[in-house]
Each structure stands twice: as C-alpha cells, then as structure tokens.
Amino acid sequence: MTSLRLPIPPFTAETAIQKVRAAEDGWNGRDPSRVASAYTADSAWRNRDAFITGRDAITAFLGDKWTREQDYRLIKELWAFTDDRIAVRFAYEWHDDAGNWFRSYGNENWAFAADGLMRERHASINDVAIAPDERLFHWDRAGVRPADHPGLSDQGL
C-alpha cells in the first residue's frame, strides 16, 4: 500500500506553497535518504547537466552535493502551479572546501504522482561567486529557515 505524501494533487495556491516549503525544509535538513523519500522510486531528474533516475541515485547525488556544497542554505519560492505540477524559483548559498562562497540561482519544474511523491524534477542552476559579507541567508546550520527569515522576493532576489 502506498502512503500519501501530503499535500497531494490537485494543488491549490495554498497547498502548492505548502509543498514548496516542505521541499525547502527537507533540503535544508541535508539528509539525502530523507529527501529522496519524497520522490517516487523511479523519479527522473535533470539537475544542471546530470540525468538521474531512482531514489538510490538521488540519495547518492545529494550525498555528493552536500559534501561539496558546505554550509548549504536554501530558499524556494512558488512561481506557478497546475493540478499536478509546480514551478519554483530558488536560491541557495554555500561554500567550497577553499572557503569560497557562492549563491546559486535557479528554477525547478516538478510533476507529482497522485500520492504526492515527486515523479519528475527538472532543475536549471547558475552559480555566482559572492564575498562572505554578501551572504543573505543566516540561520542555524542544522535547521530549516525560520518563519521570520525573509524569502527571495523580500530580499529582492
């Protein structure tokens, strides 16, 4: 029996925003297995130039990503939605092993199965080098973005 991953399609503006925030919170937790559990077993991704299929590949990809992209902090914002699809814009900040900081900007297109698991994810991402004093995303490394922390539009991003 399949369990539901709430909210499920068809989406309303309210449930699409809930889905986006749940995804943001999950990714900010940086637990590859937990994040991968939000996707169908055969979920298909395009992430930059990588094409990934299935939870095991997603878990491995995310483990590698968060090893390279240290002190990762992400903000997502709903862009548009239909019955079973959501478009998101996002930005995240991180640094590499040498301490160089980046802000990565992008957009994602998501398609969901009836049970609320994501079955497709298409992400386009660009990295911009930033100085440490240009960082905008400040919250506890181990947690999700606090409710009172400004979102992308609030910060003019």
C-alpha atoms as a PDB file:
ATOM      1  CA  MET A   1       0.000   0.000   0.000  1.00  0.00           C
ATOM      2  CA  THR A   2       1.267   3.460  -0.907  1.00  0.00           C
ATOM      3  CA  SER A   3       1.175   6.128   1.773  1.00  0.00           C
ATOM      4  CA  LEU A   4       0.347   9.697   0.847  1.00  0.00           C
ATOM      5  CA  ARG A   5       2.936  12.484   0.872  1.00  0.00           C
ATOM      6  CA  LEU A   6       0.742  15.455   1.762  1.00  0.00           C
ATOM      7  CA  PRO A   7      -0.281  17.696   0.237  1.00  0.00           C
ATOM      8  CA  ILE A   8      -1.358  15.749  -2.826  1.00  0.00           C
ATOM      9  CA  PRO A   9      -2.557  16.922  -6.242  1.00  0.00           C
ATOM     10  CA  PRO A  10      -4.615  18.604  -7.450  1.00  0.00           C
ATOM     11  CA  PHE A  11      -2.893  21.619  -5.913  1.00  0.00           C
ATOM     12  CA  THR A  12      -4.405  24.907  -4.807  1.00  0.00           C
ATOM     13  CA  ALA A  13      -2.324  28.030  -4.210  1.00  0.00           C
ATOM     14  CA  GLU A  14      -2.232  27.153  -0.506  1.00  0.00           C
ATOM     15  CA  THR A  15      -1.231  23.502  -0.954  1.00  0.00           C
ATOM     16  CA  ALA A  16       1.353  24.356  -3.633  1.00  0.00           C
ATOM     17  CA  ILE A  17       3.001  26.789  -1.189  1.00  0.00           C
ATOM     18  CA  GLN A  18       2.922  24.061   1.495  1.00  0.00           C
ATOM     19  CA  LYS A  19       4.597  21.619  -0.911  1.00  0.00           C
ATOM     20  CA  VAL A  20       7.318  24.144  -1.788  1.00  0.00           C
ATOM     21  CA  ARG A  21       8.059  24.911   1.867  1.00  0.00           C
ATOM     22  CA  ALA A  22       8.147  21.204   2.747  1.00  0.00           C
ATOM     23  CA  ALA A  23      10.686  20.651  -0.045  1.00  0.00           C
ATOM     24  CA  GLU A  24      12.778  23.604   1.138  1.00  0.00           C
ATOM     25  CA  ASP A  25      12.734  22.346   4.722  1.00  0.00           C
ATOM     26  CA  GLY A  26      13.718  18.846   3.623  1.00  0.00           C
ATOM     27  CA  TRP A  27      16.641  20.026   1.511  1.00  0.00           C
ATOM     28  CA  ASN A  28      17.854  22.339   4.284  1.00  0.00           C
ATOM     29  CA  GLY A  29      17.991  19.297   6.564  1.00  0.00           C
ATOM     30  CA  ARG A  30      20.645  17.846   4.200  1.00  0.00           C
ATOM     31  CA  ASP A  31      19.694  14.206   4.845  1.00  0.00           C
ATOM     32  CA  PRO A  32      19.939  12.529   1.414  1.00  0.00           C
ATOM     33  CA  SER A  33      17.817   9.492   2.325  1.00  0.00           C
ATOM     34  CA  ARG A  34      15.091  11.593   3.893  1.00  0.00           C
ATOM     35  CA  VAL A  35      14.981  13.959   0.921  1.00  0.00           C
ATOM     36  CA  ALA A  36      14.945  11.046  -1.560  1.00  0.00           C
ATOM     37  CA  SER A  37      11.899   9.593   0.224  1.00  0.00           C
ATOM     38  CA  ALA A  38       9.826  12.489  -1.188  1.00  0.00           C
ATOM     39  CA  TYR A  39      10.344  11.148  -4.732  1.00  0.00           C
ATOM     40  CA  THR A  40       8.834   8.156  -6.495  1.00  0.00           C
ATOM     41  CA  ALA A  41      11.026   5.038  -6.626  1.00  0.00           C
ATOM     42  CA  ASP A  42      11.627   5.712 -10.347  1.00  0.00           C
ATOM     43  CA  SER A  43      11.719   9.522 -10.158  1.00  0.00           C
ATOM     44  CA  ALA A  44      13.548  11.146 -13.083  1.00  0.00           C
ATOM     45  CA  TRP A  45      15.700  14.221 -12.584  1.00  0.00           C
ATOM     46  CA  ARG A  46      17.663  16.642 -14.661  1.00  0.00           C
ATOM     47  CA  ASN A  47      19.900  18.657 -12.355  1.00  0.00           C
ATOM     48  CA  ARG A  48      22.151  21.006 -14.313  1.00  0.00           C
ATOM     49  CA  ASP A  49      23.849  18.558 -16.709  1.00  0.00           C
ATOM     50  CA  ALA A  50      23.172  15.410 -14.659  1.00  0.00           C
ATOM     51  CA  PHE A  51      20.362  12.994 -15.514  1.00  0.00           C
ATOM     52  CA  ILE A  52      19.371  10.884 -12.507  1.00  0.00           C
ATOM     53  CA  THR A  53      16.762   8.140 -12.129  1.00  0.00           C
ATOM     54  CA  GLY A  54      15.555   6.491  -8.934  1.00  0.00           C
ATOM     55  CA  ARG A  55      15.867   7.023  -5.199  1.00  0.00           C
ATOM     56  CA  ASP A  56      19.246   5.301  -4.843  1.00  0.00           C
ATOM     57  CA  ALA A  57      20.765   7.573  -7.482  1.00  0.00           C
ATOM     58  CA  ILE A  58      19.091  10.622  -5.908  1.00  0.00           C
ATOM     59  CA  THR A  59      20.478   9.683  -2.485  1.00  0.00           C
ATOM     60  CA  ALA A  60      23.999   9.280  -3.888  1.00  0.00           C
ATOM     61  CA  PHE A  61      23.755  12.528  -5.847  1.00  0.00           C
ATOM     62  CA  LEU A  62      22.607  14.507  -2.802  1.00  0.00           C
ATOM     63  CA  GLY A  63      25.312  12.986  -0.592  1.00  0.00           C
ATOM     64  CA  ASP A  64      27.963  14.137  -3.064  1.00  0.00           C
ATOM     65  CA  LYS A  65      26.299  17.547  -3.459  1.00  0.00           C
ATOM     66  CA  TRP A  66      26.242  18.341   0.252  1.00  0.00           C
ATOM     67  CA  THR A  67      29.833  17.163   0.672  1.00  0.00           C
ATOM     68  CA  ARG A  68      30.918  19.717  -1.975  1.00  0.00           C
ATOM     69  CA  GLU A  69      28.408  22.464  -1.113  1.00  0.00           C
ATOM     70  CA  GLN A  70      29.152  23.150   2.548  1.00  0.00           C
ATOM     71  CA  ASP A  71      27.007  25.229   4.943  1.00  0.00           C
ATOM     72  CA  TYR A  72      24.185  24.951   2.396  1.00  0.00           C
ATOM     73  CA  ARG A  73      21.136  27.162   2.996  1.00  0.00           C
ATOM     74  CA  LEU A  74      18.243  27.205   0.521  1.00  0.00           C
ATOM     75  CA  ILE A  75      15.164  29.358  -0.062  1.00  0.00           C
ATOM     76  CA  LYS A  76      12.449  28.269  -2.523  1.00  0.00           C
ATOM     77  CA  GLU A  77       9.507  30.314  -3.777  1.00  0.00           C
ATOM     78  CA  LEU A  78       6.414  29.207  -5.665  1.00  0.00           C
ATOM     79  CA  TRP A  79       6.385  30.545  -9.216  1.00  0.00           C
ATOM     80  CA  ALA A  80       3.343  28.782 -10.727  1.00  0.00           C
ATOM     81  CA  PHE A  81       1.246  25.617 -10.390  1.00  0.00           C
ATOM     82  CA  THR A  82      -1.401  23.484 -12.084  1.00  0.00           C
ATOM     83  CA  ASP A  83      -3.217  20.354 -10.959  1.00  0.00           C
ATOM     84  CA  ASP A  84      -0.162  18.105 -10.546  1.00  0.00           C
ATOM     85  CA  ARG A  85       2.760  20.397 -11.431  1.00  0.00           C
ATOM     86  CA  ILE A  86       4.640  23.118  -9.584  1.00  0.00           C
ATOM     87  CA  ALA A  87       7.250  25.592 -10.848  1.00  0.00           C
ATOM     88  CA  VAL A  88       9.669  27.001  -8.286  1.00  0.00           C
ATOM     89  CA  ARG A  89      12.427  29.566  -8.281  1.00  0.00           C
ATOM     90  CA  PHE A  90      15.156  29.263  -5.692  1.00  0.00           C
ATOM     91  CA  ALA A  91      18.486  30.490  -4.434  1.00  0.00           C
ATOM     92  CA  TYR A  92      20.935  28.851  -2.094  1.00  0.00           C
ATOM     93  CA  GLU A  93      24.226  29.853  -0.512  1.00  0.00           C
ATOM     94  CA  TRP A  94      27.178  27.577   0.143  1.00  0.00           C
ATOM     95  CA  HIS A  95      30.949  27.465   0.205  1.00  0.00           C
ATOM     96  CA  ASP A  96      33.536  25.082  -1.195  1.00  0.00           C
ATOM     97  CA  ASP A  97      36.485  23.400   0.553  1.00  0.00           C
ATOM     98  CA  ALA A  98      38.615  26.500  -0.013  1.00  0.00           C
ATOM     99  CA  GLY A  99      36.069  28.763   1.737  1.00  0.00           C
ATOM    100  CA  ASN A 100      34.836  30.446  -1.465  1.00  0.00           C
ATOM    101  CA  TRP A 101      31.172  31.457  -1.130  1.00  0.00           C
ATOM    102  CA  PHE A 102      28.543  31.168  -3.850  1.00  0.00           C
ATOM    103  CA  ARG A 103      24.890  31.974  -4.341  1.00  0.00           C
ATOM    104  CA  SER A 104      23.254  29.545  -6.744  1.00  0.00           C
ATOM    105  CA  TYR A 105      20.112  30.703  -8.525  1.00  0.00           C
ATOM    106  CA  GLY A 106      17.702  28.508 -10.388  1.00  0.00           C
ATOM    107  CA  ASN A 107      14.294  27.226 -11.227  1.00  0.00           C
ATOM    108  CA  GLU A 108      12.706  23.816 -10.986  1.00  0.00           C
ATOM    109  CA  ASN A 109       9.745  22.202 -12.678  1.00  0.00           C
ATOM    110  CA  TRP A 110       8.098  19.437 -10.687  1.00  0.00           C
ATOM    111  CA  ALA A 111       5.499  16.804 -11.646  1.00  0.00           C
ATOM    112  CA  PHE A 112       3.774  14.736  -8.957  1.00  0.00           C
ATOM    113  CA  ALA A 113       2.173  11.318  -8.761  1.00  0.00           C
ATOM    114  CA  ALA A 114      -1.321  11.022  -7.274  1.00  0.00           C
ATOM    115  CA  ASP A 115       0.173  10.020  -3.890  1.00  0.00           C
ATOM    116  CA  GLY A 116       2.064  13.349  -3.622  1.00  0.00           C
ATOM    117  CA  LEU A 117       5.519  11.946  -4.385  1.00  0.00           C
ATOM    118  CA  MET A 118       7.513  13.858  -6.979  1.00  0.00           C
ATOM    119  CA  ARG A 119       7.941  11.824 -10.168  1.00  0.00           C
ATOM    120  CA  GLU A 120       9.901  14.393 -12.211  1.00  0.00           C
ATOM    121  CA  ARG A 121      12.284  17.211 -11.315  1.00  0.00           C
ATOM    122  CA  HIS A 122      13.952  19.456 -13.886  1.00  0.00           C
ATOM    123  CA  ALA A 123      16.423  21.987 -12.419  1.00  0.00           C
ATOM    124  CA  SER A 124      18.408  24.736 -14.113  1.00  0.00           C
ATOM    125  CA  ILE A 125      21.027  26.359 -11.866  1.00  0.00           C
ATOM    126  CA  ASN A 126      23.663  29.092 -12.146  1.00  0.00           C
ATOM    127  CA  ASP A 127      26.383  29.796  -9.560  1.00  0.00           C
ATOM    128  CA  VAL A 128      27.562  33.310  -8.712  1.00  0.00           C
ATOM    129  CA  ALA A 129      30.628  33.901  -6.545  1.00  0.00           C
ATOM    130  CA  ILE A 130      29.899  36.162  -3.564  1.00  0.00           C
ATOM    131  CA  ALA A 131      32.010  37.646  -0.788  1.00  0.00           C
ATOM    132  CA  PRO A 132      31.264  36.344   2.713  1.00  0.00           C
ATOM    133  CA  ASP A 133      29.778  39.734   3.688  1.00  0.00           C
ATOM    134  CA  GLU A 134      27.310  39.468   0.768  1.00  0.00           C
ATOM    135  CA  ARG A 135      25.611  36.424   2.271  1.00  0.00           C
ATOM    136  CA  LEU A 136      21.902  36.886   2.939  1.00  0.00           C
ATOM    137  CA  PHE A 137      20.812  33.501   4.283  1.00  0.00           C
ATOM    138  CA  HIS A 138      21.535  33.377   8.004  1.00  0.00           C
ATOM    139  CA  TRP A 139      20.022  30.752  10.272  1.00  0.00           C
ATOM    140  CA  ASP A 140      21.194  27.781  12.318  1.00  0.00           C
ATOM    141  CA  ARG A 141      23.096  25.401  10.043  1.00  0.00           C
ATOM    142  CA  ALA A 142      21.281  22.372  11.433  1.00  0.00           C
ATOM    143  CA  GLY A 143      17.792  23.654  10.832  1.00  0.00           C
ATOM    144  CA  VAL A 144      15.158  24.897   8.479  1.00  0.00           C
ATOM    145  CA  ARG A 145      14.702  28.546   7.588  1.00  0.00           C
ATOM    146  CA  PRO A 146      12.871  30.295  10.429  1.00  0.00           C
ATOM    147  CA  ALA A 147       9.383  31.566   9.596  1.00  0.00           C
ATOM    148  CA  ASP A 148      10.512  35.173  10.144  1.00  0.00           C
ATOM    149  CA  HIS A 149      13.575  34.930   7.858  1.00  0.00           C
ATOM    150  CA  PRO A 150      12.957  36.896   4.631  1.00  0.00           C
ATOM    151  CA  GLY A 151      12.150  34.956   1.471  1.00  0.00           C
ATOM    152  CA  LEU A 152      13.525  35.584  -2.020  1.00  0.00           C
ATOM    153  CA  SER A 153      11.132  38.362  -3.016  1.00  0.00           C
ATOM    154  CA  ASP A 154      11.546  40.029   0.388  1.00  0.00           C
ATOM    155  CA  GLN A 155      15.295  40.214  -0.270  1.00  0.00           C
ATOM    156  CA  GLY A 156      14.948  41.465  -3.833  1.00  0.00           C
ATOM    157  CA  LEU A 157      16.354  38.252  -5.314  1.00  0.00           C
END
